[in-house]
N, C-alpha and C. Protein backbone atom coordinates (compact mmCIF):
# COMPACT_ATOMS: atom_id res chain seq x y z
N MET A 1 4.38 -0.39 -5.16
CA MET A 1 4.06 -1.71 -5.29
C MET A 1 3.30 -2.04 -4.09
N SER A 2 2.21 -2.53 -4.20
CA SER A 2 1.97 -3.05 -3.33
C SER A 2 2.14 -4.01 -2.41
N ARG A 3 1.57 -4.18 -1.02
CA ARG A 3 3.13 -4.99 -0.24
C ARG A 3 2.07 -6.84 -0.62
N HIS A 4 3.36 -7.69 -0.46
CA HIS A 4 2.54 -8.65 -0.66
C HIS A 4 1.88 -9.78 0.35
N GLU A 5 1.06 -10.09 -0.17
CA GLU A 5 -0.22 -11.05 1.21
C GLU A 5 0.88 -12.14 2.72
N VAL A 6 1.91 -12.01 2.38
CA VAL A 6 2.75 -12.95 3.32
C VAL A 6 3.12 -11.47 4.60
N THR A 7 3.14 -10.78 3.87
CA THR A 7 3.40 -9.20 4.87
C THR A 7 2.51 -9.06 5.18
N THR A 8 0.96 -9.61 5.25
CA THR A 8 0.15 -9.06 6.31
C THR A 8 -0.99 -10.45 6.77
N ARG A 9 0.04 -11.14 7.11
CA ARG A 9 -0.56 -12.31 7.42
C ARG A 9 -0.07 -12.28 9.47
N ARG A 10 -1.43 -12.32 10.04
CA ARG A 10 -0.77 -11.91 11.65
C ARG A 10 -0.34 -13.18 12.04
N LEU A 11 0.57 -13.26 12.99
CA LEU A 11 0.90 -14.56 14.09
C LEU A 11 -0.59 -15.02 14.49
N LEU A 12 -0.21 -16.59 14.26
CA LEU A 12 -1.66 -17.25 14.94
C LEU A 12 -1.51 -17.65 16.36
N TYR A 13 -1.51 -16.39 17.22
CA TYR A 13 -0.70 -16.82 18.86
C TYR A 13 -1.35 -14.63 19.26
N GLU A 14 -2.72 -14.79 20.33
CA GLU A 14 -2.12 -13.43 21.14
C GLU A 14 -3.02 -13.89 22.46
N ILE A 15 -1.77 -12.71 23.56
CA ILE A 15 -1.99 -12.97 24.67
C ILE A 15 -2.76 -11.83 25.48
N PRO A 16 -3.61 -11.80 26.59
CA PRO A 16 -3.74 -10.79 26.95
C PRO A 16 -2.95 -9.53 27.15
N GLY A 17 -3.58 -8.41 26.74
CA GLY A 17 -2.09 -7.21 26.69
C GLY A 17 -1.83 -6.92 25.51
N MET A 18 -1.45 -8.06 24.50
CA MET A 18 -0.80 -7.91 23.71
C MET A 18 -0.90 -6.28 22.43
N GLN A 19 -2.36 -5.97 22.54
CA GLN A 19 -3.17 -4.61 21.91
C GLN A 19 -2.37 -3.68 22.86
N SER A 20 -2.08 -3.58 23.69
CA SER A 20 -2.08 -2.43 24.75
C SER A 20 -0.96 -2.09 24.45
N VAL A 21 0.43 -2.65 24.34
CA VAL A 21 1.81 -2.60 24.80
C VAL A 21 2.37 -1.29 23.71
N GLN A 22 3.28 -0.39 24.90
CA GLN A 22 3.74 0.83 24.99
C GLN A 22 4.86 0.29 23.82
N VAL A 23 4.44 1.55 22.31
CA VAL A 23 5.48 1.23 21.52
C VAL A 23 6.19 2.43 21.42
N ARG A 24 7.43 3.05 21.15
CA ARG A 24 8.35 3.73 20.48
C ARG A 24 9.46 3.79 19.32
N ASP A 25 9.64 5.04 18.71
CA ASP A 25 10.76 4.56 17.96
C ASP A 25 12.10 4.82 18.50
N ASP A 26 13.03 4.50 18.02
CA ASP A 26 14.29 4.83 18.43
C ASP A 26 15.34 4.24 17.11
N SER A 27 16.62 4.58 17.52
CA SER A 27 17.48 4.21 16.30
C SER A 27 18.95 4.01 17.20
N PHE A 28 19.46 2.96 16.15
CA PHE A 28 20.72 2.68 16.77
C PHE A 28 21.83 2.99 15.92
N THR A 29 23.43 2.89 15.64
CA THR A 29 24.47 3.15 14.95
C THR A 29 24.47 1.87 14.65
N GLY A 30 24.31 1.85 13.40
CA GLY A 30 24.58 0.71 12.05
C GLY A 30 25.89 0.45 11.83
N ALA A 31 26.44 -0.62 11.42
CA ALA A 31 28.43 -0.94 11.25
C ALA A 31 28.61 0.34 10.18
N ASP A 32 28.07 0.70 9.66
CA ASP A 32 28.13 2.11 8.86
C ASP A 32 28.95 3.11 9.45
N GLY A 33 28.28 3.68 10.51
CA GLY A 33 28.06 4.82 10.94
C GLY A 33 27.34 5.48 11.57
N GLN A 34 26.30 4.45 10.26
CA GLN A 34 25.16 5.66 10.65
C GLN A 34 23.71 5.47 10.95
N PRO A 35 22.71 6.14 11.35
CA PRO A 35 21.90 5.65 11.90
C PRO A 35 20.75 4.70 11.37
N LEU A 36 19.98 3.48 11.96
CA LEU A 36 19.28 3.27 11.65
C LEU A 36 17.82 2.77 12.64
N PRO A 37 16.99 2.95 12.27
CA PRO A 37 15.49 3.22 12.80
C PRO A 37 15.57 1.85 13.60
N MET A 38 15.14 1.52 14.59
CA MET A 38 14.26 0.39 15.75
C MET A 38 13.07 1.31 16.67
N LYS A 39 12.28 -0.23 16.64
CA LYS A 39 11.18 -0.01 17.56
C LYS A 39 10.84 -0.58 18.29
N ILE A 40 10.74 0.03 20.18
CA ILE A 40 10.91 -0.80 21.41
C ILE A 40 9.28 -1.01 21.83
N TYR A 41 9.21 -2.60 21.74
CA TYR A 41 7.53 -2.39 22.39
C TYR A 41 7.56 -3.08 23.95
N GLY A 42 7.54 -2.11 24.82
CA GLY A 42 7.44 -2.64 26.39
C GLY A 42 8.38 -2.12 26.89
N THR A 43 7.96 -1.84 28.54
CA THR A 43 8.96 -0.57 29.18
C THR A 43 10.30 -1.57 29.57
N HIS A 44 9.58 -2.97 30.44
CA HIS A 44 10.86 -3.86 31.19
C HIS A 44 10.98 -4.70 30.86
N GLY A 45 11.95 -5.96 31.76
CA GLY A 45 12.74 -7.08 31.82
C GLY A 45 13.31 -7.01 30.76
N PRO A 46 13.98 -8.60 30.33
CA PRO A 46 15.32 -7.93 29.82
C PRO A 46 14.84 -7.97 27.80
N ILE A 47 15.97 -8.02 27.14
CA ILE A 47 15.18 -7.27 25.81
C ILE A 47 14.94 -8.65 24.77
N VAL A 48 14.81 -9.04 24.06
CA VAL A 48 14.25 -9.40 22.94
C VAL A 48 14.79 -9.42 21.80
N VAL A 49 15.17 -9.41 20.70
CA VAL A 49 15.39 -8.87 19.58
C VAL A 49 14.76 -9.89 18.34
N ILE A 50 13.99 -9.46 17.54
CA ILE A 50 13.18 -10.13 16.85
C ILE A 50 14.32 -10.27 15.24
N LEU A 51 15.38 -10.29 15.23
CA LEU A 51 16.45 -10.12 14.61
C LEU A 51 16.46 -10.44 12.99
N ALA A 52 16.66 -9.54 11.93
CA ALA A 52 16.55 -9.14 10.66
C ALA A 52 17.57 -10.28 10.07
N GLY A 53 17.80 -11.16 8.99
CA GLY A 53 18.50 -11.84 8.31
C GLY A 53 18.44 -11.33 6.97
N TYR A 54 17.88 -10.33 6.94
CA TYR A 54 17.85 -9.84 4.66
C TYR A 54 17.96 -8.69 5.17
N PRO A 55 18.37 -8.05 3.92
CA PRO A 55 19.03 -6.77 3.63
C PRO A 55 17.78 -6.14 3.48
N ASP A 56 16.98 -5.09 4.29
CA ASP A 56 16.25 -3.90 4.06
C ASP A 56 15.50 -3.68 2.84
N ALA A 57 16.66 -3.56 1.86
CA ALA A 57 16.27 -2.70 0.50
C ALA A 57 15.69 -4.30 -0.41
N GLY A 58 16.45 -5.30 -0.17
CA GLY A 58 15.87 -6.40 -0.74
C GLY A 58 14.38 -6.74 -0.37
N VAL A 59 14.28 -7.03 0.96
CA VAL A 59 12.62 -6.81 1.53
C VAL A 59 11.98 -6.07 0.97
N LEU A 60 12.17 -5.18 0.69
CA LEU A 60 11.29 -3.76 0.41
C LEU A 60 10.82 -3.86 -1.09
N LYS A 61 11.67 -4.21 -2.04
CA LYS A 61 11.51 -4.37 -3.33
C LYS A 61 10.89 -5.49 -4.11
N HIS A 62 10.85 -7.27 -2.64
CA HIS A 62 10.51 -8.12 -3.19
C HIS A 62 8.89 -7.98 -2.27
N VAL A 63 8.75 -7.88 -1.89
CA VAL A 63 7.37 -7.88 -0.82
C VAL A 63 6.57 -6.27 -0.39
N GLY A 64 7.36 -4.95 -0.68
CA GLY A 64 6.54 -4.16 -0.96
C GLY A 64 6.74 -3.38 0.91
N CYS A 65 7.71 -3.89 1.71
CA CYS A 65 7.55 -3.55 2.92
C CYS A 65 8.91 -3.69 3.43
N LYS A 66 9.48 -3.26 5.27
CA LYS A 66 10.55 -3.75 5.24
C LYS A 66 9.55 -4.78 6.30
N PHE A 67 11.02 -5.53 7.13
CA PHE A 67 10.74 -6.60 8.01
C PHE A 67 10.05 -6.49 9.24
N MET A 68 10.27 -5.10 9.71
CA MET A 68 9.88 -4.93 10.97
C MET A 68 8.43 -4.35 11.15
N GLU A 69 7.97 -4.31 9.59
CA GLU A 69 6.73 -3.42 9.51
C GLU A 69 5.58 -4.78 8.83
N TYR A 70 5.94 -5.83 8.93
CA TYR A 70 5.31 -7.21 8.55
C TYR A 70 4.15 -7.18 9.88
N GLU A 71 3.41 -7.70 9.45
CA GLU A 71 2.14 -7.89 10.34
C GLU A 71 2.70 -8.94 11.34
N TRP A 72 3.33 -10.14 10.81
CA TRP A 72 3.57 -10.52 12.02
C TRP A 72 4.94 -10.81 12.82
N THR A 73 6.00 -10.16 12.24
CA THR A 73 6.79 -8.88 13.00
C THR A 73 6.05 -8.46 13.83
N ILE A 74 5.04 -7.44 14.16
CA ILE A 74 4.51 -6.53 15.06
C ILE A 74 3.94 -7.53 15.66
N ASN A 75 3.24 -8.44 15.90
CA ASN A 75 2.61 -9.16 16.19
C ASN A 75 3.53 -9.50 17.48
N MET A 76 4.20 -10.71 16.95
CA MET A 76 5.38 -11.63 18.15
C MET A 76 5.90 -10.39 18.64
N ALA A 77 6.28 -8.86 18.34
CA ALA A 77 7.01 -8.30 19.19
C ALA A 77 6.09 -8.11 20.66
N GLN A 78 4.59 -8.03 20.02
CA GLN A 78 3.63 -6.91 20.88
C GLN A 78 3.37 -8.48 22.11
N VAL A 79 3.36 -9.59 21.81
CA VAL A 79 3.52 -10.92 21.94
C VAL A 79 4.43 -11.10 23.26
N ILE A 80 5.86 -10.76 22.62
CA ILE A 80 6.67 -11.00 24.06
C ILE A 80 6.58 -9.70 24.92
N ALA A 81 6.51 -8.28 24.25
CA ALA A 81 6.46 -7.44 25.11
C ALA A 81 5.18 -8.01 26.77
N ALA A 82 4.39 -8.86 25.72
CA ALA A 82 2.72 -8.86 26.60
C ALA A 82 3.22 -9.87 27.79
N SER A 83 4.40 -10.21 27.49
CA SER A 83 5.09 -11.80 27.92
C SER A 83 6.05 -11.32 29.18
N GLY A 84 6.62 -9.88 29.43
CA GLY A 84 7.22 -9.46 30.39
C GLY A 84 8.36 -9.33 30.12
N MET A 85 9.00 -8.84 28.34
CA MET A 85 9.52 -9.30 28.08
C MET A 85 9.73 -7.41 27.19
N THR A 86 11.35 -6.76 27.17
CA THR A 86 11.17 -5.63 26.48
C THR A 86 11.31 -5.98 24.42
N ALA A 87 10.68 -6.08 23.70
CA ALA A 87 10.69 -6.64 22.24
C ALA A 87 11.65 -5.39 20.93
N ILE A 88 12.65 -6.17 20.68
CA ILE A 88 13.11 -4.54 19.67
C ILE A 88 12.97 -5.09 18.04
N THR A 89 12.81 -4.33 17.39
CA THR A 89 12.26 -4.71 15.58
C THR A 89 13.01 -3.57 14.80
N HIS A 90 13.69 -3.97 14.31
CA HIS A 90 14.88 -3.09 13.51
C HIS A 90 14.70 -3.43 12.01
N SER A 91 15.91 -2.23 11.28
CA SER A 91 16.43 -1.81 9.98
C SER A 91 17.30 -2.81 9.92
N ASN A 92 18.15 -2.08 8.47
CA ASN A 92 19.33 -2.75 8.16
C ASN A 92 19.44 -2.18 7.02
N ARG A 93 20.92 -2.59 7.37
CA ARG A 93 21.30 -1.84 5.50
C ARG A 93 22.40 -3.47 4.74
N ASP A 94 23.26 -3.32 5.49
CA ASP A 94 24.01 -4.81 5.93
C ASP A 94 23.84 -6.13 6.90
N PRO A 95 22.88 -6.82 6.94
CA PRO A 95 21.93 -7.77 7.68
C PRO A 95 23.51 -8.19 8.83
N LEU A 96 24.37 -8.58 8.23
CA LEU A 96 25.41 -9.45 9.39
C LEU A 96 26.10 -8.53 10.57
N PRO A 97 26.76 -7.57 9.62
CA PRO A 97 27.79 -6.58 10.33
C PRO A 97 26.38 -5.21 11.24
N ASP A 98 25.23 -5.25 10.75
CA ASP A 98 24.27 -3.95 11.64
C ASP A 98 23.98 -5.15 12.22
N ALA A 99 23.00 -6.56 12.52
CA ALA A 99 23.19 -7.26 13.24
C ALA A 99 23.95 -6.86 14.40
N LYS A 100 25.41 -7.68 14.95
CA LYS A 100 26.53 -7.22 15.73
C LYS A 100 26.25 -6.10 16.25
N ALA A 101 26.10 -5.20 15.64
CA ALA A 101 26.29 -3.48 15.84
C ALA A 101 25.12 -3.13 16.79
N LEU A 102 23.86 -3.66 16.86
CA LEU A 102 22.69 -4.06 17.17
C LEU A 102 22.76 -4.66 18.72
N LEU A 103 22.94 -5.68 18.47
CA LEU A 103 23.30 -6.16 19.80
C LEU A 103 24.42 -5.71 20.81
N GLU A 104 25.45 -5.22 20.25
CA GLU A 104 26.61 -4.50 20.92
C GLU A 104 25.62 -3.46 21.76
N HIS A 105 25.15 -2.97 20.88
CA HIS A 105 24.21 -1.39 21.63
C HIS A 105 23.41 -1.64 22.79
N LEU A 106 22.58 -2.61 22.21
CA LEU A 106 21.69 -3.00 23.44
C LEU A 106 22.08 -3.65 24.47
N SER A 107 23.38 -4.67 24.46
CA SER A 107 24.22 -4.84 26.08
C SER A 107 24.71 -4.05 26.05
N ALA A 108 25.00 -3.30 26.17
CA ALA A 108 26.12 -2.04 26.29
C ALA A 108 25.40 -1.38 27.75
N ALA A 109 24.09 -1.55 28.12
CA ALA A 109 23.22 -0.45 29.30
C ALA A 109 23.09 -2.04 30.46
N GLY A 110 23.91 -3.38 29.50
CA GLY A 110 24.15 -4.21 30.80
C GLY A 110 22.98 -5.31 31.39
N ARG A 111 22.08 -4.76 30.12
CA ARG A 111 20.96 -5.66 30.31
C ARG A 111 21.24 -6.96 29.46
N LYS A 112 20.60 -7.84 29.92
CA LYS A 112 20.33 -9.16 29.05
C LYS A 112 19.68 -9.00 27.72
N VAL A 113 20.27 -9.67 26.99
CA VAL A 113 19.84 -9.78 25.31
C VAL A 113 19.28 -11.54 24.46
N GLY A 114 18.01 -11.27 24.41
CA GLY A 114 17.74 -12.21 23.49
C GLY A 114 17.55 -12.16 22.50
N ILE A 115 17.21 -13.20 21.53
CA ILE A 115 16.93 -13.57 20.42
C ILE A 115 15.99 -14.16 19.66
N TRP A 116 15.01 -14.02 18.83
CA TRP A 116 13.69 -14.24 18.32
C TRP A 116 14.44 -14.62 16.63
N SER A 117 14.29 -15.96 16.25
CA SER A 117 14.34 -15.84 14.67
C SER A 117 13.55 -16.83 14.06
N VAL A 118 13.50 -16.44 12.52
CA VAL A 118 12.46 -17.53 11.98
C VAL A 118 13.41 -18.74 10.48
N SER A 119 12.88 -18.89 10.03
CA SER A 119 13.54 -19.21 8.73
C SER A 119 14.08 -18.87 8.05
N GLY A 120 14.82 -17.89 7.15
CA GLY A 120 16.45 -17.80 6.41
C GLY A 120 17.03 -16.94 7.07
N HIS A 121 16.23 -16.61 8.42
CA HIS A 121 17.40 -15.31 8.88
C HIS A 121 18.33 -15.96 9.80
N GLY A 122 17.50 -17.72 9.68
CA GLY A 122 19.03 -17.99 10.62
C GLY A 122 20.66 -17.72 10.36
N PRO A 123 20.97 -17.94 9.62
CA PRO A 123 22.30 -17.78 9.43
C PRO A 123 22.61 -17.23 9.73
N VAL A 124 21.82 -15.82 9.41
CA VAL A 124 22.78 -14.25 10.60
C VAL A 124 22.73 -14.39 12.10
N VAL A 125 21.53 -15.00 12.59
CA VAL A 125 21.13 -15.24 13.91
C VAL A 125 22.09 -15.88 14.51
N LEU A 126 23.33 -16.91 13.84
CA LEU A 126 24.06 -18.38 14.48
C LEU A 126 25.20 -17.49 14.74
N GLU A 127 25.63 -16.10 13.09
CA GLU A 127 26.45 -15.70 13.23
C GLU A 127 27.00 -14.65 14.44
N ALA A 128 25.76 -13.90 14.73
CA ALA A 128 25.52 -12.80 15.53
C ALA A 128 25.36 -13.24 16.33
N ALA A 129 24.67 -14.44 16.56
CA ALA A 129 24.27 -15.25 18.51
C ALA A 129 25.46 -15.61 19.16
N PRO A 130 26.61 -15.37 19.49
CA PRO A 130 27.74 -14.82 20.51
C PRO A 130 27.19 -13.77 21.66
N LYS A 131 26.65 -12.83 20.73
CA LYS A 131 26.69 -11.27 21.55
C LYS A 131 25.04 -11.25 22.02
N ALA A 132 24.42 -12.50 22.37
CA ALA A 132 23.37 -12.69 23.03
C ALA A 132 23.58 -13.68 23.98
N ALA A 133 22.22 -13.74 24.58
CA ALA A 133 22.00 -14.86 25.96
C ALA A 133 21.97 -15.85 25.82
N ALA A 134 20.99 -15.91 24.60
CA ALA A 134 20.02 -17.12 24.34
C ALA A 134 19.16 -16.37 23.09
N ALA A 135 19.16 -17.89 22.14
CA ALA A 135 18.15 -17.78 20.91
C ALA A 135 16.81 -18.94 20.71
N VAL A 136 16.17 -18.22 20.18
CA VAL A 136 15.01 -19.54 19.99
C VAL A 136 14.81 -19.04 18.45
N LEU A 137 14.95 -19.80 17.79
CA LEU A 137 14.78 -20.42 16.30
C LEU A 137 14.11 -21.49 15.49
N ILE A 138 12.81 -20.99 14.70
CA ILE A 138 11.94 -20.88 14.20
C ILE A 138 11.88 -21.97 12.97
N ASN A 139 12.06 -23.51 12.80
CA ASN A 139 12.70 -23.51 11.07
C ASN A 139 13.73 -23.11 10.43
N PRO A 140 14.76 -22.44 11.36
CA PRO A 140 15.50 -22.61 10.87
C PRO A 140 16.27 -22.72 9.64
N VAL A 141 16.68 -22.06 8.62
CA VAL A 141 17.87 -22.11 7.47
C VAL A 141 19.21 -21.93 8.99
N THR A 142 19.87 -23.40 8.37
CA THR A 142 20.92 -23.31 9.82
C THR A 142 22.92 -23.36 9.07
N LYS A 143 23.36 -22.76 9.92
CA LYS A 143 24.89 -23.14 9.06
C LYS A 143 25.75 -24.38 9.81
N ASP A 144 27.17 -24.42 9.28
CA ASP A 144 27.38 -25.90 9.75
C ASP A 144 28.05 -25.74 10.95
N PHE A 145 27.72 -24.92 11.72
CA PHE A 145 28.64 -24.55 13.10
C PHE A 145 27.17 -24.17 13.88
N CYS A 146 27.59 -24.56 15.88
CA CYS A 146 26.56 -23.96 16.02
C CYS A 146 27.14 -23.30 17.44
N PRO A 147 26.73 -22.18 17.76
CA PRO A 147 27.28 -20.92 19.04
C PRO A 147 27.03 -21.66 20.11
N GLY A 148 27.64 -21.26 21.06
CA GLY A 148 27.41 -21.79 22.83
C GLY A 148 26.74 -21.63 23.27
N ILE A 149 25.59 -20.44 23.11
CA ILE A 149 25.00 -20.01 24.18
C ILE A 149 23.14 -20.91 23.95
N PRO A 150 22.61 -20.75 24.74
CA PRO A 150 21.36 -21.74 24.92
C PRO A 150 20.38 -21.51 23.76
N LEU A 151 20.32 -22.38 22.96
CA LEU A 151 19.29 -22.37 21.89
C LEU A 151 18.47 -23.20 22.39
N PHE A 152 17.03 -22.39 21.62
CA PHE A 152 15.78 -23.16 21.34
C PHE A 152 15.19 -23.32 19.68
N VAL A 153 15.07 -24.64 19.86
CA VAL A 153 15.51 -24.88 17.93
C VAL A 153 13.74 -25.68 17.79
N VAL A 154 12.94 -25.27 17.30
CA VAL A 154 11.77 -25.75 16.63
C VAL A 154 11.95 -25.97 15.28
N ARG A 155 11.86 -27.84 15.41
CA ARG A 155 11.72 -28.53 13.54
C ARG A 155 10.10 -28.38 13.55
N ALA A 156 9.69 -27.63 12.03
CA ALA A 156 8.74 -27.87 11.42
C ALA A 156 8.79 -29.49 10.98
N GLY A 157 8.40 -30.70 10.95
CA GLY A 157 7.79 -32.30 10.64
C GLY A 157 7.87 -32.13 9.36
N HIS A 158 6.91 -31.15 8.61
CA HIS A 158 6.57 -31.70 6.91
C HIS A 158 7.04 -30.27 6.18
N ASP A 159 8.64 -29.71 6.81
CA ASP A 159 8.90 -28.30 5.88
C ASP A 159 8.33 -28.21 4.69
N GLU A 160 8.50 -28.17 4.01
CA GLU A 160 8.45 -28.76 2.68
C GLU A 160 9.42 -27.62 1.85
N THR A 161 10.63 -26.23 2.83
CA THR A 161 11.51 -26.56 2.02
C THR A 161 12.55 -26.78 1.91
N PRO A 162 12.82 -27.33 0.13
CA PRO A 162 14.09 -28.25 0.42
C PRO A 162 15.46 -28.48 0.96
N GLY A 163 15.41 -29.64 1.27
CA GLY A 163 17.06 -29.56 1.99
C GLY A 163 17.24 -28.81 3.56
N LEU A 164 15.96 -28.29 4.07
CA LEU A 164 15.97 -27.12 5.32
C LEU A 164 15.97 -28.19 6.62
N ASN A 165 15.16 -28.89 6.58
CA ASN A 165 15.08 -29.95 7.83
C ASN A 165 16.44 -30.63 8.07
N LEU A 166 16.89 -31.43 6.60
CA LEU A 166 18.20 -32.96 6.67
C LEU A 166 19.46 -31.98 6.82
N ALA A 167 19.55 -30.17 6.67
CA ALA A 167 20.79 -29.25 7.05
C ALA A 167 20.16 -29.02 8.91
N LEU A 168 18.98 -28.81 9.42
CA LEU A 168 18.78 -28.63 10.46
C LEU A 168 18.96 -30.44 11.54
N ASP A 169 18.44 -31.42 11.09
CA ASP A 169 18.87 -32.59 11.49
C ASP A 169 20.41 -32.51 11.77
N GLN A 170 21.36 -32.31 10.70
CA GLN A 170 22.47 -32.24 11.24
C GLN A 170 23.15 -31.57 12.14
N PHE A 171 22.64 -30.12 11.70
CA PHE A 171 23.24 -29.15 12.88
C PHE A 171 22.80 -29.33 14.15
N VAL A 172 21.38 -30.14 14.63
CA VAL A 172 21.09 -30.28 15.89
C VAL A 172 22.54 -31.79 16.32
N THR A 173 22.38 -32.71 15.12
CA THR A 173 23.45 -33.70 15.77
C THR A 173 24.18 -33.41 15.77
N ARG A 174 25.74 -32.15 15.69
CA ARG A 174 27.10 -31.95 15.60
C ARG A 174 26.80 -30.75 16.97
N ALA A 175 25.40 -30.42 17.29
CA ALA A 175 25.06 -29.43 18.34
C ALA A 175 25.77 -30.30 19.91
N LEU A 176 24.60 -31.57 19.75
CA LEU A 176 24.49 -32.39 20.69
C LEU A 176 26.04 -33.05 20.67
N ALA A 177 26.62 -33.62 19.71
CA ALA A 177 27.88 -34.30 20.22
C ALA A 177 29.19 -33.18 20.28
N GLU A 178 28.57 -32.42 20.38
CA GLU A 178 29.36 -30.86 21.15
C GLU A 178 29.26 -30.28 22.70
N ASP A 179 28.33 -31.09 22.72
CA ASP A 179 27.45 -30.64 24.33
C ASP A 179 26.93 -29.24 24.23
N LYS A 180 26.32 -28.72 23.81
CA LYS A 180 26.25 -27.28 23.15
C LYS A 180 24.36 -27.39 23.95
N PRO A 181 24.63 -25.86 24.45
CA PRO A 181 22.61 -26.19 25.25
C PRO A 181 21.98 -25.92 24.15
N VAL A 182 21.27 -26.95 23.44
CA VAL A 182 20.48 -26.66 22.27
C VAL A 182 19.08 -27.67 23.08
N THR A 183 17.88 -26.98 22.87
CA THR A 183 16.58 -28.09 23.27
C THR A 183 15.95 -27.75 22.12
N LEU A 184 15.69 -28.83 21.52
CA LEU A 184 15.12 -29.21 20.32
C LEU A 184 13.40 -29.61 20.16
N VAL A 185 12.34 -28.99 19.98
CA VAL A 185 11.31 -28.97 19.86
C VAL A 185 10.93 -29.83 18.75
N ASN A 186 10.30 -31.14 18.07
CA ASN A 186 10.00 -30.99 16.58
C ASN A 186 8.39 -31.16 16.82
N TYR A 187 8.13 -30.50 15.53
CA TYR A 187 6.27 -30.47 15.49
C TYR A 187 6.33 -31.19 14.89
N PRO A 188 4.80 -32.79 14.63
CA PRO A 188 5.04 -33.52 14.15
C PRO A 188 3.98 -33.00 12.80
N GLY A 189 4.21 -32.86 11.48
CA GLY A 189 2.73 -32.98 11.03
C GLY A 189 3.11 -30.87 10.34
N ALA A 190 3.66 -30.29 10.99
CA ALA A 190 3.55 -29.06 10.77
C ALA A 190 4.14 -28.67 9.54
N PRO A 191 4.18 -27.38 8.73
CA PRO A 191 4.96 -26.82 7.78
C PRO A 191 5.37 -25.42 8.02
N HIS A 192 6.21 -25.46 7.07
CA HIS A 192 6.97 -24.15 7.42
C HIS A 192 6.06 -22.90 7.46
N ALA A 193 6.75 -21.89 8.70
CA ALA A 193 5.62 -20.83 8.77
C ALA A 193 4.67 -21.42 9.16
N PHE A 194 4.39 -22.24 10.18
CA PHE A 194 3.71 -22.71 10.99
C PHE A 194 2.65 -21.92 11.60
N ASP A 195 3.44 -20.97 12.28
CA ASP A 195 2.57 -19.67 12.86
C ASP A 195 2.29 -18.93 12.74
N LEU A 196 2.47 -19.07 10.96
CA LEU A 196 1.49 -18.29 10.27
C LEU A 196 0.29 -18.85 9.54
N SER A 197 0.23 -20.37 9.81
CA SER A 197 -0.76 -20.79 8.73
C SER A 197 -1.53 -22.49 9.47
N LEU A 198 -0.98 -22.62 10.24
CA LEU A 198 -1.72 -23.73 11.57
C LEU A 198 -2.12 -23.27 12.70
N ASP A 199 -3.52 -22.74 12.44
CA ASP A 199 -3.85 -22.88 13.64
C ASP A 199 -4.11 -23.93 14.56
N ALA A 200 -3.51 -23.90 15.45
CA ALA A 200 -3.76 -24.97 16.35
C ALA A 200 -2.97 -24.97 17.60
N PRO A 201 -3.91 -25.56 18.84
CA PRO A 201 -3.55 -25.46 20.02
C PRO A 201 -1.69 -25.84 20.38
N GLU A 202 -1.13 -26.75 19.29
CA GLU A 202 0.11 -27.19 18.91
C GLU A 202 0.85 -26.10 19.25
N THR A 203 0.88 -25.49 17.88
CA THR A 203 1.12 -24.17 17.50
C THR A 203 1.21 -23.32 18.94
N ARG A 204 0.47 -22.92 19.66
CA ARG A 204 0.69 -21.74 20.89
C ARG A 204 1.23 -22.51 21.60
N ARG A 205 1.27 -24.12 22.24
CA ARG A 205 1.93 -24.14 22.99
C ARG A 205 3.58 -24.15 22.61
N ILE A 206 3.82 -24.50 21.81
CA ILE A 206 5.09 -24.22 20.99
C ILE A 206 5.48 -22.82 21.24
N LEU A 207 4.98 -22.15 20.56
CA LEU A 207 5.17 -20.82 21.19
C LEU A 207 5.69 -20.29 22.14
N GLN A 208 4.43 -20.39 23.02
CA GLN A 208 4.80 -20.69 24.51
C GLN A 208 6.34 -20.64 24.94
N GLN A 209 6.22 -22.34 24.47
CA GLN A 209 7.67 -23.11 25.14
C GLN A 209 8.90 -22.05 24.54
N GLY A 210 9.21 -21.13 23.39
CA GLY A 210 9.95 -20.25 23.63
C GLY A 210 9.85 -19.24 24.37
N LEU A 211 8.64 -18.51 24.61
CA LEU A 211 8.80 -17.34 25.31
C LEU A 211 9.15 -17.76 26.18
N ASP A 212 8.85 -18.81 27.40
CA ASP A 212 9.37 -19.34 28.64
C ASP A 212 10.56 -19.54 28.62
N PHE A 213 10.75 -19.53 27.71
CA PHE A 213 12.97 -20.38 27.11
C PHE A 213 13.52 -19.20 27.55
N LEU A 214 12.96 -18.17 26.84
CA LEU A 214 13.86 -17.06 26.49
C LEU A 214 13.92 -15.89 27.85
N ARG A 215 12.84 -16.05 28.68
CA ARG A 215 12.49 -15.81 30.32
C ARG A 215 13.47 -15.99 31.17
N ALA A 216 13.16 -17.87 31.60
CA ALA A 216 14.17 -18.97 31.96
C ALA A 216 15.74 -18.34 32.20
N ASN A 217 16.22 -18.15 30.64
CA ASN A 217 17.18 -17.88 30.25
C ASN A 217 18.07 -16.52 30.51
N LEU A 218 17.29 -15.95 30.25
CA LEU A 218 17.50 -13.74 30.30
C LEU A 218 17.22 -13.42 31.85
N GLY A 219 16.39 -14.15 32.91
CA GLY A 219 16.56 -13.89 33.75
C GLY A 219 15.39 -12.79 34.03
């Protein structure tokens, strides 16, 4: 099966040094006790996981590659690493248990772990988030609860996904009512996946805000 074109789209943000980031292959023990591959971008600083919320088998069937092989995923990991952090991409079999297993594995070394997430990966991220120290969620699908860790949430003002912004607005309202540590940025006029389709200074500024948020909260 050939790859779907969405998997070849590049992140619309580049920073110096991202193309020379060191990458190495590694693995972690999944929830079923069997090893799963991951890639490590960079060699220093706090850890940021680009967390996968869909099972690899299904993603591979529908778009022709794993989430960690998307051009966007690779670019985002490069940007995170070039920003002074260590980025992790990973495979999975069962998204939520494997996400928790990965976060536990990474936290065991005593380093703070953050999460970068987009779109439909949101529900798994929110369930797994208590095992992390902070998270960035870009135009996320949400749940009916908010974890207590610092969240940086980006709302795409013209998100075309039915019901996504309505649910996101309710999510943020509940989080604020519960005095949760949530930072909301609304990107007026932006479509879903604006970081792939809207080549504008505001796109880059908001992505940089997310990176700064993680550095500030992860130390």
